[in-house]
Amino acid sequence: VLSDPAIYEHENAPPESLQWLRERFERLETRCSGDGSEQWLNW
């Protein structure tokens, strides 16, 4: 889904690789910033 070039017309870039995206999603599974001040909610 995120490799679709049309969605980056205005900013950002597609994920570098499947492994990079998997690792990013793993980090986001904490649902919380490192200092605990923010909740990171992703669906």
PDB file of all heavy atoms in Angstrom:
ATOM      1  N   VAL A   1       0.842  -1.204   0.000  1.00  0.00           N
ATOM      2  CA  VAL A   1       0.000   0.000   0.000  1.00  0.00           C
ATOM      3  C   VAL A   1       0.875   1.251   0.000  1.00  0.00           C
ATOM      4  O   VAL A   1       0.661   2.184  -0.781  1.00  0.00           O
ATOM      5  CB  VAL A   1      -0.946   0.017   1.227  1.00  0.00           C
ATOM      6  CG1 VAL A   1      -1.683   1.343   1.339  1.00  0.00           C
ATOM      7  CG2 VAL A   1      -1.924  -1.146   1.177  1.00  0.00           C
ATOM      8  N   LEU A   2       1.874   1.278   0.885  1.00  0.00           N
ATOM      9  CA  LEU A   2       2.697   2.468   1.063  1.00  0.00           C
ATOM     10  C   LEU A   2       3.778   2.630  -0.002  1.00  0.00           C
ATOM     11  O   LEU A   2       4.501   3.627  -0.003  1.00  0.00           O
ATOM     12  CB  LEU A   2       3.318   2.457   2.462  1.00  0.00           C
ATOM     13  CG  LEU A   2       2.298   2.522   3.603  1.00  0.00           C
ATOM     14  CD1 LEU A   2       2.991   2.393   4.947  1.00  0.00           C
ATOM     15  CD2 LEU A   2       1.466   3.785   3.536  1.00  0.00           C
ATOM     16  N   SER A   3       3.876   1.699  -0.923  1.00  0.00           N
ATOM     17  CA  SER A   3       4.810   1.822  -2.045  1.00  0.00           C
ATOM     18  C   SER A   3       4.178   2.538  -3.233  1.00  0.00           C
ATOM     19  O   SER A   3       4.828   2.728  -4.267  1.00  0.00           O
ATOM     20  CB  SER A   3       5.318   0.433  -2.462  1.00  0.00           C
ATOM     21  OG  SER A   3       6.123  -0.098  -1.434  1.00  0.00           O
ATOM     22  N   ASP A   4       2.943   2.959  -3.104  1.00  0.00           N
ATOM     23  CA  ASP A   4       2.223   3.685  -4.148  1.00  0.00           C
ATOM     24  C   ASP A   4       2.829   5.083  -4.293  1.00  0.00           C
ATOM     25  O   ASP A   4       2.703   5.910  -3.386  1.00  0.00           O
ATOM     26  CB  ASP A   4       0.742   3.770  -3.744  1.00  0.00           C
ATOM     27  CG  ASP A   4      -0.122   4.554  -4.704  1.00  0.00           C
ATOM     28  OD1 ASP A   4       0.403   5.126  -5.692  1.00  0.00           O
ATOM     29  OD2 ASP A   4      -1.343   4.601  -4.455  1.00  0.00           O
ATOM     30  N   PRO A   5       3.505   5.382  -5.416  1.00  0.00           N
ATOM     31  CA  PRO A   5       4.168   6.685  -5.553  1.00  0.00           C
ATOM     32  C   PRO A   5       3.203   7.868  -5.524  1.00  0.00           C
ATOM     33  O   PRO A   5       3.602   8.973  -5.148  1.00  0.00           O
ATOM     34  CB  PRO A   5       4.899   6.594  -6.891  1.00  0.00           C
ATOM     35  CG  PRO A   5       4.251   5.470  -7.628  1.00  0.00           C
ATOM     36  CD  PRO A   5       3.670   4.540  -6.600  1.00  0.00           C
ATOM     37  N   ALA A   6       1.957   7.680  -5.873  1.00  0.00           N
ATOM     38  CA  ALA A   6       0.997   8.792  -5.910  1.00  0.00           C
ATOM     39  C   ALA A   6       0.798   9.430  -4.541  1.00  0.00           C
ATOM     40  O   ALA A   6       0.518  10.624  -4.449  1.00  0.00           O
ATOM     41  CB  ALA A   6      -0.346   8.312  -6.461  1.00  0.00           C
ATOM     42  N   ILE A   7       0.950   8.663  -3.473  1.00  0.00           N
ATOM     43  CA  ILE A   7       0.686   9.225  -2.146  1.00  0.00           C
ATOM     44  C   ILE A   7       1.822  10.114  -1.639  1.00  0.00           C
ATOM     45  O   ILE A   7       1.690  10.754  -0.604  1.00  0.00           O
ATOM     46  CB  ILE A   7       0.311   8.136  -1.109  1.00  0.00           C
ATOM     47  CG1 ILE A   7       1.439   7.137  -0.883  1.00  0.00           C
ATOM     48  CG2 ILE A   7      -0.952   7.420  -1.526  1.00  0.00           C
ATOM     49  CD1 ILE A   7       1.094   6.045   0.135  1.00  0.00           C
ATOM     50  N   TYR A   8       2.919  10.203  -2.387  1.00  0.00           N
ATOM     51  CA  TYR A   8       4.048  11.026  -1.974  1.00  0.00           C
ATOM     52  C   TYR A   8       4.200  12.265  -2.850  1.00  0.00           C
ATOM     53  O   TYR A   8       5.270  12.872  -2.909  1.00  0.00           O
ATOM     54  CB  TYR A   8       5.331  10.186  -1.960  1.00  0.00           C
ATOM     55  CG  TYR A   8       5.147   8.987  -1.058  1.00  0.00           C
ATOM     56  CD1 TYR A   8       4.876   7.725  -1.592  1.00  0.00           C
ATOM     57  CD2 TYR A   8       5.151   9.135   0.323  1.00  0.00           C
ATOM     58  CE1 TYR A   8       4.654   6.643  -0.761  1.00  0.00           C
ATOM     59  CE2 TYR A   8       4.913   8.045   1.161  1.00  0.00           C
ATOM     60  CZ  TYR A   8       4.672   6.811   0.605  1.00  0.00           C
ATOM     61  OH  TYR A   8       4.432   5.744   1.421  1.00  0.00           O
ATOM     62  N   GLU A   9       3.137  12.670  -3.488  1.00  0.00           N
ATOM     63  CA  GLU A   9       3.147  13.844  -4.354  1.00  0.00           C
ATOM     64  C   GLU A   9       3.570  15.102  -3.582  1.00  0.00           C
ATOM     65  O   GLU A   9       4.260  15.971  -4.116  1.00  0.00           O
ATOM     66  CB  GLU A   9       1.754  14.052  -4.953  1.00  0.00           C
ATOM     67  CG  GLU A   9       1.595  15.292  -5.772  1.00  0.00           C
ATOM     68  CD  GLU A   9       0.177  15.493  -6.269  1.00  0.00           C
ATOM     69  OE1 GLU A   9      -0.702  14.633  -6.038  1.00  0.00           O
ATOM     70  OE2 GLU A   9      -0.042  16.546  -6.889  1.00  0.00           O
ATOM     71  N   HIS A  10       3.173  15.214  -2.317  1.00  0.00           N
ATOM     72  CA  HIS A  10       3.399  16.434  -1.549  1.00  0.00           C
ATOM     73  C   HIS A  10       4.527  16.328  -0.528  1.00  0.00           C
ATOM     74  O   HIS A  10       5.080  17.354  -0.128  1.00  0.00           O
ATOM     75  CB  HIS A  10       2.110  16.860  -0.848  1.00  0.00           C
ATOM     76  CG  HIS A  10       1.010  17.102  -1.815  1.00  0.00           C
ATOM     77  ND1 HIS A  10       0.908  18.260  -2.556  1.00  0.00           N
ATOM     78  CD2 HIS A  10      -0.028  16.318  -2.209  1.00  0.00           C
ATOM     79  CE1 HIS A  10      -0.135  18.187  -3.347  1.00  0.00           C
ATOM     80  NE2 HIS A  10      -0.722  17.017  -3.161  1.00  0.00           N
ATOM     81  N   GLU A  11       4.832  15.126  -0.056  1.00  0.00           N
ATOM     82  CA  GLU A  11       5.887  14.986   0.950  1.00  0.00           C
ATOM     83  C   GLU A  11       6.223  13.526   1.196  1.00  0.00           C
ATOM     84  O   GLU A  11       5.498  12.627   0.792  1.00  0.00           O
ATOM     85  CB  GLU A  11       5.484  15.652   2.262  1.00  0.00           C
ATOM     86  CG  GLU A  11       4.272  15.029   2.934  1.00  0.00           C
ATOM     87  CD  GLU A  11       3.886  15.766   4.202  1.00  0.00           C
ATOM     88  OE1 GLU A  11       4.789  16.087   5.011  1.00  0.00           O
ATOM     89  OE2 GLU A  11       2.699  16.029   4.369  1.00  0.00           O
ATOM     90  N   ASN A  12       7.321  13.336   1.893  1.00  0.00           N
ATOM     91  CA  ASN A  12       7.802  12.024   2.321  1.00  0.00           C
ATOM     92  C   ASN A  12       8.187  11.137   1.144  1.00  0.00           C
ATOM     93  O   ASN A  12       8.260  11.593   0.012  1.00  0.00           O
ATOM     94  CB  ASN A  12       6.797  11.338   3.244  1.00  0.00           C
ATOM     95  CG  ASN A  12       6.566  12.148   4.502  1.00  0.00           C
ATOM     96  OD1 ASN A  12       7.467  12.812   4.993  1.00  0.00           O
ATOM     97  ND2 ASN A  12       5.344  12.116   5.006  1.00  0.00           N
ATOM     98  N   ALA A  13       8.439   9.888   1.439  1.00  0.00           N
ATOM     99  CA  ALA A  13       8.860   8.923   0.429  1.00  0.00           C
ATOM    100  C   ALA A  13       8.384   7.543   0.863  1.00  0.00           C
ATOM    101  O   ALA A  13       8.112   7.318   2.050  1.00  0.00           O
ATOM    102  CB  ALA A  13      10.379   8.931   0.303  1.00  0.00           C
ATOM    103  N   PRO A  14       8.288   6.618  -0.069  1.00  0.00           N
ATOM    104  CA  PRO A  14       7.873   5.252   0.298  1.00  0.00           C
ATOM    105  C   PRO A  14       8.845   4.633   1.300  1.00  0.00           C
ATOM    106  O   PRO A  14       9.999   5.066   1.413  1.00  0.00           O
ATOM    107  CB  PRO A  14       7.909   4.497  -1.031  1.00  0.00           C
ATOM    108  CG  PRO A  14       7.880   5.540  -2.086  1.00  0.00           C
ATOM    109  CD  PRO A  14       8.540   6.758  -1.497  1.00  0.00           C
ATOM    110  N   PRO A  15       8.407   3.608   2.013  1.00  0.00           N
ATOM    111  CA  PRO A  15       9.311   2.924   2.941  1.00  0.00           C
ATOM    112  C   PRO A  15      10.535   2.387   2.198  1.00  0.00           C
ATOM    113  O   PRO A  15      10.434   1.941   1.058  1.00  0.00           O
ATOM    114  CB  PRO A  15       8.476   1.776   3.504  1.00  0.00           C
ATOM    115  CG  PRO A  15       7.106   1.937   2.976  1.00  0.00           C
ATOM    116  CD  PRO A  15       7.094   3.000   1.951  1.00  0.00           C
ATOM    117  N   GLU A  16      11.683   2.424   2.867  1.00  0.00           N
ATOM    118  CA  GLU A  16      12.941   1.985   2.264  1.00  0.00           C
ATOM    119  C   GLU A  16      12.907   0.517   1.856  1.00  0.00           C
ATOM    120  O   GLU A  16      13.454   0.144   0.828  1.00  0.00           O
ATOM    121  CB  GLU A  16      14.086   2.182   3.254  1.00  0.00           C
ATOM    122  CG  GLU A  16      14.322   3.607   3.641  1.00  0.00           C
ATOM    123  CD  GLU A  16      15.338   3.738   4.755  1.00  0.00           C
ATOM    124  OE1 GLU A  16      16.060   2.764   5.066  1.00  0.00           O
ATOM    125  OE2 GLU A  16      15.415   4.837   5.324  1.00  0.00           O
ATOM    126  N   SER A  17      12.310  -0.304   2.700  1.00  0.00           N
ATOM    127  CA  SER A  17      12.257  -1.737   2.447  1.00  0.00           C
ATOM    128  C   SER A  17      11.184  -2.341   3.351  1.00  0.00           C
ATOM    129  O   SER A  17      10.731  -1.699   4.308  1.00  0.00           O
ATOM    130  CB  SER A  17      13.603  -2.400   2.756  1.00  0.00           C
ATOM    131  OG  SER A  17      13.866  -2.319   4.152  1.00  0.00           O
ATOM    132  N   LEU A  18      10.823  -3.578   3.064  1.00  0.00           N
ATOM    133  CA  LEU A  18       9.875  -4.280   3.929  1.00  0.00           C
ATOM    134  C   LEU A  18      10.452  -4.431   5.326  1.00  0.00           C
ATOM    135  O   LEU A  18       9.754  -4.216   6.331  1.00  0.00           O
ATOM    136  CB  LEU A  18       9.534  -5.652   3.341  1.00  0.00           C
ATOM    137  CG  LEU A  18       8.656  -6.557   4.198  1.00  0.00           C
ATOM    138  CD1 LEU A  18       7.342  -5.882   4.569  1.00  0.00           C
ATOM    139  CD2 LEU A  18       8.412  -7.871   3.476  1.00  0.00           C
ATOM    140  N   GLN A  19      11.722  -4.752   5.445  1.00  0.00           N
ATOM    141  CA  GLN A  19      12.355  -4.902   6.758  1.00  0.00           C
ATOM    142  C   GLN A  19      12.314  -3.597   7.537  1.00  0.00           C
ATOM    143  O   GLN A  19      12.026  -3.581   8.734  1.00  0.00           O
ATOM    144  CB  GLN A  19      13.805  -5.396   6.612  1.00  0.00           C
ATOM    145  CG  GLN A  19      14.493  -5.662   7.938  1.00  0.00           C
ATOM    146  CD  GLN A  19      13.809  -6.743   8.774  1.00  0.00           C
ATOM    147  OE1 GLN A  19      13.190  -7.662   8.244  1.00  0.00           O
ATOM    148  NE2 GLN A  19      13.896  -6.606  10.081  1.00  0.00           N
ATOM    149  N   TRP A  20      12.595  -2.478   6.877  1.00  0.00           N
ATOM    150  CA  TRP A  20      12.555  -1.168   7.522  1.00  0.00           C
ATOM    151  C   TRP A  20      11.148  -0.903   8.075  1.00  0.00           C
ATOM    152  O   TRP A  20      10.995  -0.445   9.211  1.00  0.00           O
ATOM    153  CB  TRP A  20      12.960  -0.082   6.527  1.00  0.00           C
ATOM    154  CG  TRP A  20      12.930   1.298   7.093  1.00  0.00           C
ATOM    155  CD1 TRP A  20      13.961   1.952   7.695  1.00  0.00           C
ATOM    156  CD2 TRP A  20      11.808   2.196   7.112  1.00  0.00           C
ATOM    157  NE1 TRP A  20      13.547   3.204   8.096  1.00  0.00           N
ATOM    158  CE2 TRP A  20      12.231   3.376   7.753  1.00  0.00           C
ATOM    159  CE3 TRP A  20      10.497   2.113   6.657  1.00  0.00           C
ATOM    160  CZ2 TRP A  20      11.392   4.469   7.945  1.00  0.00           C
ATOM    161  CZ3 TRP A  20       9.654   3.197   6.854  1.00  0.00           C
ATOM    162  CH2 TRP A  20      10.101   4.368   7.488  1.00  0.00           C
ATOM    163  N   LEU A  21      10.114  -1.185   7.262  1.00  0.00           N
ATOM    164  CA  LEU A  21       8.741  -0.945   7.694  1.00  0.00           C
ATOM    165  C   LEU A  21       8.368  -1.864   8.850  1.00  0.00           C
ATOM    166  O   LEU A  21       7.747  -1.425   9.824  1.00  0.00           O
ATOM    167  CB  LEU A  21       7.773  -1.137   6.525  1.00  0.00           C
ATOM    168  CG  LEU A  21       6.327  -0.737   6.809  1.00  0.00           C
ATOM    169  CD1 LEU A  21       6.224   0.751   7.146  1.00  0.00           C
ATOM    170  CD2 LEU A  21       5.440  -1.082   5.609  1.00  0.00           C
ATOM    171  N   ARG A  22       8.760  -3.120   8.786  1.00  0.00           N
ATOM    172  CA  ARG A  22       8.469  -4.063   9.867  1.00  0.00           C
ATOM    173  C   ARG A  22       9.094  -3.571  11.186  1.00  0.00           C
ATOM    174  O   ARG A  22       8.442  -3.578  12.232  1.00  0.00           O
ATOM    175  CB  ARG A  22       8.979  -5.465   9.508  1.00  0.00           C
ATOM    176  CG  ARG A  22       8.611  -6.526  10.532  1.00  0.00           C
ATOM    177  CD  ARG A  22       9.046  -7.919  10.108  1.00  0.00           C
ATOM    178  NE  ARG A  22       8.244  -8.375   8.973  1.00  0.00           N
ATOM    179  CZ  ARG A  22       8.717  -8.639   7.756  1.00  0.00           C
ATOM    180  NH1 ARG A  22       9.996  -8.527   7.495  1.00  0.00           N
ATOM    181  NH2 ARG A  22       7.920  -9.052   6.799  1.00  0.00           N
ATOM    182  N   GLU A  23      10.329  -3.129  11.123  1.00  0.00           N
ATOM    183  CA  GLU A  23      11.008  -2.628  12.323  1.00  0.00           C
ATOM    184  C   GLU A  23      10.344  -1.358  12.853  1.00  0.00           C
ATOM    185  O   GLU A  23      10.200  -1.183  14.063  1.00  0.00           O
ATOM    186  CB  GLU A  23      12.485  -2.386  12.036  1.00  0.00           C
ATOM    187  CG  GLU A  23      13.257  -3.675  11.843  1.00  0.00           C
ATOM    188  CD  GLU A  23      14.681  -3.465  11.336  1.00  0.00           C
ATOM    189  OE1 GLU A  23      15.124  -2.292  11.185  1.00  0.00           O
ATOM    190  OE2 GLU A  23      15.355  -4.484  11.079  1.00  0.00           O
ATOM    191  N   ARG A  24       9.908  -0.494  11.958  1.00  0.00           N
ATOM    192  CA  ARG A  24       9.192   0.721  12.379  1.00  0.00           C
ATOM    193  C   ARG A  24       7.894   0.350  13.081  1.00  0.00           C
ATOM    194  O   ARG A  24       7.570   0.882  14.140  1.00  0.00           O
ATOM    195  CB  ARG A  24       8.916   1.619  11.177  1.00  0.00           C
ATOM    196  CG  ARG A  24       8.084   2.842  11.536  1.00  0.00           C
ATOM    197  CD  ARG A  24       8.085   3.883  10.443  1.00  0.00           C
ATOM    198  NE  ARG A  24       7.156   4.950  10.676  1.00  0.00           N
ATOM    199  CZ  ARG A  24       7.249   5.867  11.628  1.00  0.00           C
ATOM    200  NH1 ARG A  24       8.260   5.844  12.460  1.00  0.00           N
ATOM    201  NH2 ARG A  24       6.337   6.818  11.752  1.00  0.00           N
ATOM    202  N   PHE A  25       7.123  -0.554  12.493  1.00  0.00           N
ATOM    203  CA  PHE A  25       5.869  -0.985  13.110  1.00  0.00           C
ATOM    204  C   PHE A  25       6.129  -1.632  14.472  1.00  0.00           C
ATOM    205  O   PHE A  25       5.356  -1.438  15.404  1.00  0.00           O
ATOM    206  CB  PHE A  25       5.116  -1.943  12.188  1.00  0.00           C
ATOM    207  CG  PHE A  25       4.384  -1.278  11.047  1.00  0.00           C
ATOM    208  CD1 PHE A  25       4.519   0.065  10.744  1.00  0.00           C
ATOM    209  CD2 PHE A  25       3.538  -2.026  10.245  1.00  0.00           C
ATOM    210  CE1 PHE A  25       3.825   0.661   9.692  1.00  0.00           C
ATOM    211  CE2 PHE A  25       2.834  -1.446   9.191  1.00  0.00           C
ATOM    212  CZ  PHE A  25       2.986  -0.103   8.916  1.00  0.00           C
ATOM    213  N   GLU A  26       7.213  -2.401  14.590  1.00  0.00           N
ATOM    214  CA  GLU A  26       7.556  -3.012  15.888  1.00  0.00           C
ATOM    215  C   GLU A  26       7.803  -1.930  16.938  1.00  0.00           C
ATOM    216  O   GLU A  26       7.326  -2.043  18.065  1.00  0.00           O
ATOM    217  CB  GLU A  26       8.789  -3.904  15.760  1.00  0.00           C
ATOM    218  CG  GLU A  26       8.519  -5.230  15.108  1.00  0.00           C
ATOM    219  CD  GLU A  26       9.789  -6.046  14.860  1.00  0.00           C
ATOM    220  OE1 GLU A  26      10.907  -5.603  15.248  1.00  0.00           O
ATOM    221  OE2 GLU A  26       9.673  -7.126  14.262  1.00  0.00           O
ATOM    222  N   ARG A  27       8.549  -0.886  16.566  1.00  0.00           N
ATOM    223  CA  ARG A  27       8.816   0.209  17.514  1.00  0.00           C
ATOM    224  C   ARG A  27       7.520   0.904  17.918  1.00  0.00           C
ATOM    225  O   ARG A  27       7.357   1.293  19.075  1.00  0.00           O
ATOM    226  CB  ARG A  27       9.785   1.220  16.905  1.00  0.00           C
ATOM    227  CG  ARG A  27      11.212   0.747  16.862  1.00  0.00           C
ATOM    228  CD  ARG A  27      12.178   1.863  16.471  1.00  0.00           C
ATOM    229  NE  ARG A  27      11.855   2.545  15.231  1.00  0.00           N
ATOM    230  CZ  ARG A  27      12.218   2.143  14.008  1.00  0.00           C
ATOM    231  NH1 ARG A  27      12.925   1.036  13.880  1.00  0.00           N
ATOM    232  NH2 ARG A  27      11.898   2.848  12.951  1.00  0.00           N
ATOM    233  N   LEU A  28       6.612   1.073  16.992  1.00  0.00           N
ATOM    234  CA  LEU A  28       5.355   1.771  17.277  1.00  0.00           C
ATOM    235  C   LEU A  28       4.395   0.932  18.118  1.00  0.00           C
ATOM    236  O   LEU A  28       3.429   1.468  18.674  1.00  0.00           O
ATOM    237  CB  LEU A  28       4.680   2.205  15.974  1.00  0.00           C
ATOM    238  CG  LEU A  28       5.414   3.306  15.209  1.00  0.00           C
ATOM    239  CD1 LEU A  28       4.758   3.539  13.853  1.00  0.00           C
ATOM    240  CD2 LEU A  28       5.489   4.594  16.010  1.00  0.00           C
ATOM    241  N   GLU A  29       4.648  -0.367  18.227  1.00  0.00           N
ATOM    242  CA  GLU A  29       3.784  -1.218  19.052  1.00  0.00           C
ATOM    243  C   GLU A  29       3.864  -0.865  20.531  1.00  0.00           C
ATOM    244  O   GLU A  29       3.002  -1.270  21.308  1.00  0.00           O
ATOM    245  CB  GLU A  29       4.121  -2.698  18.842  1.00  0.00           C
ATOM    246  CG  GLU A  29       3.560  -3.250  17.555  1.00  0.00           C
ATOM    247  CD  GLU A  29       3.798  -4.737  17.381  1.00  0.00           C
ATOM    248  OE1 GLU A  29       3.946  -5.451  18.396  1.00  0.00           O
ATOM    249  OE2 GLU A  29       3.828  -5.189  16.227  1.00  0.00           O
ATOM    250  N   THR A  30       4.844  -0.077  20.931  1.00  0.00           N
ATOM    251  CA  THR A  30       4.900   0.380  22.327  1.00  0.00           C
ATOM    252  C   THR A  30       3.706   1.267  22.652  1.00  0.00           C
ATOM    253  O   THR A  30       3.312   1.365  23.805  1.00  0.00           O
ATOM    254  CB  THR A  30       6.190   1.173  22.605  1.00  0.00           C
ATOM    255  OG1 THR A  30       6.190   2.366  21.821  1.00  0.00           O
ATOM    256  CG2 THR A  30       7.421   0.329  22.352  1.00  0.00           C
ATOM    257  N   ARG A  31       3.161   1.934  21.613  1.00  0.00           N
ATOM    258  CA  ARG A  31       2.018   2.844  21.736  1.00  0.00           C
ATOM    259  C   ARG A  31       2.326   4.050  22.616  1.00  0.00           C
ATOM    260  O   ARG A  31       1.425   4.705  23.120  1.00  0.00           O
ATOM    261  CB  ARG A  31       0.763   2.139  22.261  1.00  0.00           C
ATOM    262  CG  ARG A  31       0.417   0.829  21.588  1.00  0.00           C
ATOM    263  CD  ARG A  31      -0.223   1.028  20.234  1.00  0.00           C
ATOM    264  NE  ARG A  31      -0.753  -0.233  19.727  1.00  0.00           N
ATOM    265  CZ  ARG A  31      -0.327  -0.812  18.610  1.00  0.00           C
ATOM    266  NH1 ARG A  31       0.601  -0.266  17.896  1.00  0.00           N
ATOM    267  NH2 ARG A  31      -0.852  -1.941  18.210  1.00  0.00           N
ATOM    268  N   CYS A  32       3.628   4.332  22.810  1.00  0.00           N
ATOM    269  CA  CYS A  32       3.999   5.384  23.748  1.00  0.00           C
ATOM    270  C   CYS A  32       5.372   5.938  23.376  1.00  0.00           C
ATOM    271  O   CYS A  32       6.254   5.190  22.950  1.00  0.00           O
ATOM    272  CB  CYS A  32       4.028   4.767  25.152  1.00  0.00           C
ATOM    273  SG  CYS A  32       4.477   5.863  26.460  1.00  0.00           S
ATOM    274  N   SER A  33       5.557   7.243  23.552  1.00  0.00           N
ATOM    275  CA  SER A  33       6.871   7.849  23.332  1.00  0.00           C
ATOM    276  C   SER A  33       7.846   7.338  24.391  1.00  0.00           C
ATOM    277  O   SER A  33       7.425   6.861  25.455  1.00  0.00           O
ATOM    278  CB  SER A  33       6.763   9.375  23.386  1.00  0.00           C
ATOM    279  OG  SER A  33       6.323   9.804  24.655  1.00  0.00           O
ATOM    280  N   GLY A  34       9.122   7.460  24.113  1.00  0.00           N
ATOM    281  CA  GLY A  34      10.147   6.965  25.027  1.00  0.00           C
ATOM    282  C   GLY A  34      10.055   7.553  26.427  1.00  0.00           C
ATOM    283  O   GLY A  34      10.300   6.866  27.415  1.00  0.00           O
ATOM    284  N   ASP A  35       9.670   8.825  26.513  1.00  0.00           N
ATOM    285  CA  ASP A  35       9.564   9.463  27.825  1.00  0.00           C
ATOM    286  C   ASP A  35       8.179   9.308  28.453  1.00  0.00           C
ATOM    287  O   ASP A  35       7.932   9.796  29.556  1.00  0.00           O
ATOM    288  CB  ASP A  35       9.951  10.936  27.744  1.00  0.00           C
ATOM    289  CG  ASP A  35       9.001  11.760  26.888  1.00  0.00           C
ATOM    290  OD1 ASP A  35       7.981  11.233  26.387  1.00  0.00           O
ATOM    291  OD2 ASP A  35       9.281  12.965  26.705  1.00  0.00           O
ATOM    292  N   GLY A  36       7.274   8.645  27.734  1.00  0.00           N
ATOM    293  CA  GLY A  36       5.943   8.394  28.270  1.00  0.00           C
ATOM    294  C   GLY A  36       4.991   9.576  28.219  1.00  0.00           C
ATOM    295  O   GLY A  36       3.861   9.487  28.680  1.00  0.00           O
ATOM    296  N   SER A  37       5.402  10.688  27.606  1.00  0.00           N
ATOM    297  CA  SER A  37       4.560  11.889  27.596  1.00  0.00           C
ATOM    298  C   SER A  37       3.481  11.865  26.515  1.00  0.00           C
ATOM    299  O   SER A  37       2.545  12.662  26.580  1.00  0.00           O
ATOM    300  CB  SER A  37       5.428  13.134  27.423  1.00  0.00           C
ATOM    301  OG  SER A  37       6.040  13.135  26.138  1.00  0.00           O
ATOM    302  N   GLU A  38       3.620  10.990  25.522  1.00  0.00           N
ATOM    303  CA  GLU A  38       2.648  10.922  24.429  1.00  0.00           C
ATOM    304  C   GLU A  38       2.226   9.485  24.180  1.00  0.00           C
ATOM    305  O   GLU A  38       3.029   8.568  24.317  1.00  0.00           O
ATOM    306  CB  GLU A  38       3.260  11.459  23.126  1.00  0.00           C
ATOM    307  CG  GLU A  38       3.679  12.889  23.177  1.00  0.00           C
ATOM    308  CD  GLU A  38       4.406  13.311  21.909  1.00  0.00           C
ATOM    309  OE1 GLU A  38       5.038  12.462  21.241  1.00  0.00           O
ATOM    310  OE2 GLU A  38       4.350  14.502  21.600  1.00  0.00           O
ATOM    311  N   GLN A  39       0.967   9.344  23.794  1.00  0.00           N
ATOM    312  CA  GLN A  39       0.493   8.049  23.314  1.00  0.00           C
ATOM    313  C   GLN A  39       0.589   8.070  21.800  1.00  0.00           C
ATOM    314  O   GLN A  39       0.180   9.039  21.163  1.00  0.00           O
ATOM    315  CB  GLN A  39      -0.961   7.808  23.735  1.00  0.00           C
ATOM    316  CG  GLN A  39      -1.120   7.535  25.197  1.00  0.00           C
ATOM    317  CD  GLN A  39      -2.566   7.219  25.515  1.00  0.00           C
ATOM    318  OE1 GLN A  39      -3.427   8.073  25.412  1.00  0.00           O
ATOM    319  NE2 GLN A  39      -2.816   5.973  25.887  1.00  0.00           N
ATOM    320  N   TRP A  40       1.135   7.009  21.225  1.00  0.00           N
ATOM    321  CA  TRP A  40       1.241   6.860  19.783  1.00  0.00           C
ATOM    322  C   TRP A  40       0.232   5.803  19.367  1.00  0.00           C
ATOM    323  O   TRP A  40       0.425   4.613  19.617  1.00  0.00           O
ATOM    324  CB  TRP A  40       2.641   6.440  19.372  1.00  0.00           C
ATOM    325  CG  TRP A  40       3.698   7.467  19.645  1.00  0.00           C
ATOM    326  CD1 TRP A  40       3.520   8.797  19.904  1.00  0.00           C
ATOM    327  CD2 TRP A  40       5.098   7.235  19.656  1.00  0.00           C
ATOM    328  NE1 TRP A  40       4.731   9.403  20.080  1.00  0.00           N
ATOM    329  CE2 TRP A  40       5.726   8.467  19.937  1.00  0.00           C
ATOM    330  CE3 TRP A  40       5.892   6.115  19.466  1.00  0.00           C
ATOM    331  CZ2 TRP A  40       7.095   8.602  20.017  1.00  0.00           C
ATOM    332  CZ3 TRP A  40       7.264   6.245  19.548  1.00  0.00           C
ATOM    333  CH2 TRP A  40       7.857   7.476  19.812  1.00  0.00           C
ATOM    334  N   LEU A  41      -0.830   6.237  18.752  1.00  0.00           N
ATOM    335  CA  LEU A  41      -1.923   5.342  18.390  1.00  0.00           C
ATOM    336  C   LEU A  41      -1.946   5.185  16.876  1.00  0.00           C
ATOM    337  O   LEU A  41      -2.029   6.175  16.151  1.00  0.00           O
ATOM    338  CB  LEU A  41      -3.246   5.905  18.902  1.00  0.00           C
ATOM    339  CG  LEU A  41      -3.259   6.273  20.392  1.00  0.00           C
ATOM    340  CD1 LEU A  41      -4.562   6.957  20.763  1.00  0.00           C
ATOM    341  CD2 LEU A  41      -3.026   5.032  21.244  1.00  0.00           C
ATOM    342  N   ASN A  42      -1.861   3.947  16.416  1.00  0.00           N
ATOM    343  CA  ASN A  42      -1.773   3.659  14.987  1.00  0.00           C
ATOM    344  C   ASN A  42      -2.724   2.518  14.637  1.00  0.00           C
ATOM    345  O   ASN A  42      -2.701   1.474  15.291  1.00  0.00           O
ATOM    346  CB  ASN A  42      -0.347   3.239  14.620  1.00  0.00           C
ATOM    347  CG  ASN A  42       0.660   4.317  14.947  1.00  0.00           C
ATOM    348  OD1 ASN A  42       0.851   5.233  14.168  1.00  0.00           O
ATOM    349  ND2 ASN A  42       1.285   4.221  16.112  1.00  0.00           N
ATOM    350  N   TRP A  43      -3.528   2.745  13.608  1.00  0.00           N
ATOM    351  CA  TRP A  43      -4.439   1.711  13.124  1.00  0.00           C
ATOM    352  C   TRP A  43      -4.263   1.556  11.614  1.00  0.00           C
ATOM    353  O   TRP A  43      -4.102   2.545  10.895  1.00  0.00           O
ATOM    354  CB  TRP A  43      -5.899   2.095  13.376  1.00  0.00           C
ATOM    355  CG  TRP A  43      -6.329   2.068  14.795  1.00  0.00           C
ATOM    356  CD1 TRP A  43      -6.870   1.015  15.477  1.00  0.00           C
ATOM    357  CD2 TRP A  43      -6.301   3.154  15.735  1.00  0.00           C
ATOM    358  NE1 TRP A  43      -7.170   1.374  16.772  1.00  0.00           N
ATOM    359  CE2 TRP A  43      -6.827   2.682  16.960  1.00  0.00           C
ATOM    360  CE3 TRP A  43      -5.874   4.478  15.669  1.00  0.00           C
ATOM    361  CZ2 TRP A  43      -6.943   3.478  18.088  1.00  0.00           C
ATOM    362  CZ3 TRP A  43      -5.982   5.276  16.790  1.00  0.00           C
ATOM    363  CH2 TRP A  43      -6.510   4.770  17.981  1.00  0.00           C
TER     364      TRP A  43
END
